[in-house]
Amino acid sequence: PMAGILADKARDVYGIPEDFEPVTILAIGYLGDSDKLPDPLKASETAPRVRKPLTELVFSDSWEIPAQLAYRR
């Protein structure tokens, strides 16, 4: 998921009905060539990713009770 979604534009472009709320966007495809990016973007694109574990983000039964998910190692 990415930040900075333009919900109204997404609604117009994709015909999202008014009773649905666009809240996130997901890019699917191949990585581009990071060497073609300006230096500030290249640095952030090639930096190691820091992600929260799903147990801090996905809950089940009640808030702050981590969902029991299957993980591949």
Protein backbone atom coordinates (compact mmCIF):
# COMPACT_ATOMS: atom_id res chain seq x y z
CA PRO A 1 0.00 0.00 0.00
CA MET A 2 1.05 3.56 -0.64
CA ALA A 3 0.34 6.86 1.03
CA GLY A 4 -0.90 9.93 -0.78
CA ILE A 5 -3.94 8.48 -2.54
CA LEU A 6 -6.19 11.06 -4.19
CA ALA A 7 -9.51 9.49 -3.20
CA ASP A 8 -11.71 11.77 -5.32
CA LYS A 9 -9.57 11.24 -8.42
CA ALA A 10 -9.52 7.46 -7.84
CA ARG A 11 -13.30 7.52 -7.49
CA ASP A 12 -13.65 9.37 -10.82
CA VAL A 13 -11.06 7.37 -12.78
CA TYR A 14 -12.20 3.93 -11.61
CA GLY A 15 -15.91 4.62 -11.15
CA ILE A 16 -15.88 3.76 -7.44
CA PRO A 17 -19.44 4.05 -6.07
CA GLU A 18 -20.16 6.68 -3.41
CA ASP A 19 -20.94 4.04 -0.78
CA PHE A 20 -17.30 2.80 -0.96
CA GLU A 21 -14.36 4.74 0.43
CA PRO A 22 -10.99 4.43 -1.35
CA VAL A 23 -8.33 4.39 1.38
CA THR A 24 -5.24 2.78 -0.15
CA ILE A 25 -3.57 1.87 -3.42
CA LEU A 26 -1.33 -1.04 -4.34
CA ALA A 27 1.24 -1.07 -7.14
CA ILE A 28 1.53 -4.34 -9.03
CA GLY A 29 4.21 -4.92 -11.63
CA TYR A 30 7.94 -4.99 -12.11
CA LEU A 31 10.53 -2.80 -10.43
CA GLY A 32 11.96 -0.08 -12.63
CA ASP A 33 15.62 0.86 -12.99
CA SER A 34 16.52 2.81 -9.84
CA ASP A 35 19.59 4.25 -11.62
CA LYS A 36 17.21 6.43 -13.65
CA LEU A 37 15.81 8.13 -10.52
CA PRO A 38 17.04 11.44 -9.10
CA ASP A 39 19.47 10.92 -6.19
CA PRO A 40 17.01 11.59 -3.31
CA LEU A 41 14.47 9.14 -4.75
CA LYS A 42 17.15 6.61 -5.64
CA ALA A 43 18.43 6.61 -2.06
CA SER A 44 14.99 5.93 -0.60
CA GLU A 45 14.15 3.35 -3.28
CA THR A 46 17.32 1.32 -2.69
CA ALA A 47 17.41 1.64 1.12
CA PRO A 48 16.56 -1.44 3.18
CA ARG A 49 12.82 -1.68 3.90
CA VAL A 50 11.68 -1.33 7.49
CA ARG A 51 8.28 -2.86 8.00
CA LYS A 52 6.15 -3.53 11.04
CA PRO A 53 5.23 -7.17 11.58
CA LEU A 54 1.68 -8.10 10.59
CA THR A 55 0.99 -8.98 14.23
CA GLU A 56 1.08 -5.22 14.92
CA LEU A 57 -1.28 -4.40 12.06
CA VAL A 58 -3.77 -7.26 11.55
CA PHE A 59 -6.15 -8.08 14.38
CA SER A 60 -8.81 -10.72 14.97
CA ASP A 61 -11.69 -10.99 17.41
CA SER A 62 -10.76 -7.72 19.13
CA TRP A 63 -8.47 -4.71 18.70
CA GLU A 64 -4.83 -5.49 19.54
CA ILE A 65 -5.38 -9.26 19.43
CA PRO A 66 -3.12 -10.38 16.57
CA ALA A 67 -4.78 -12.48 13.88
CA GLN A 68 -3.45 -16.01 13.63
CA LEU A 69 -1.97 -16.00 10.14
CA ALA A 70 0.05 -18.59 8.24
CA TYR A 71 3.58 -17.40 7.47
CA ARG A 72 6.18 -18.74 5.08
CA ARG A 73 9.72 -18.59 6.32
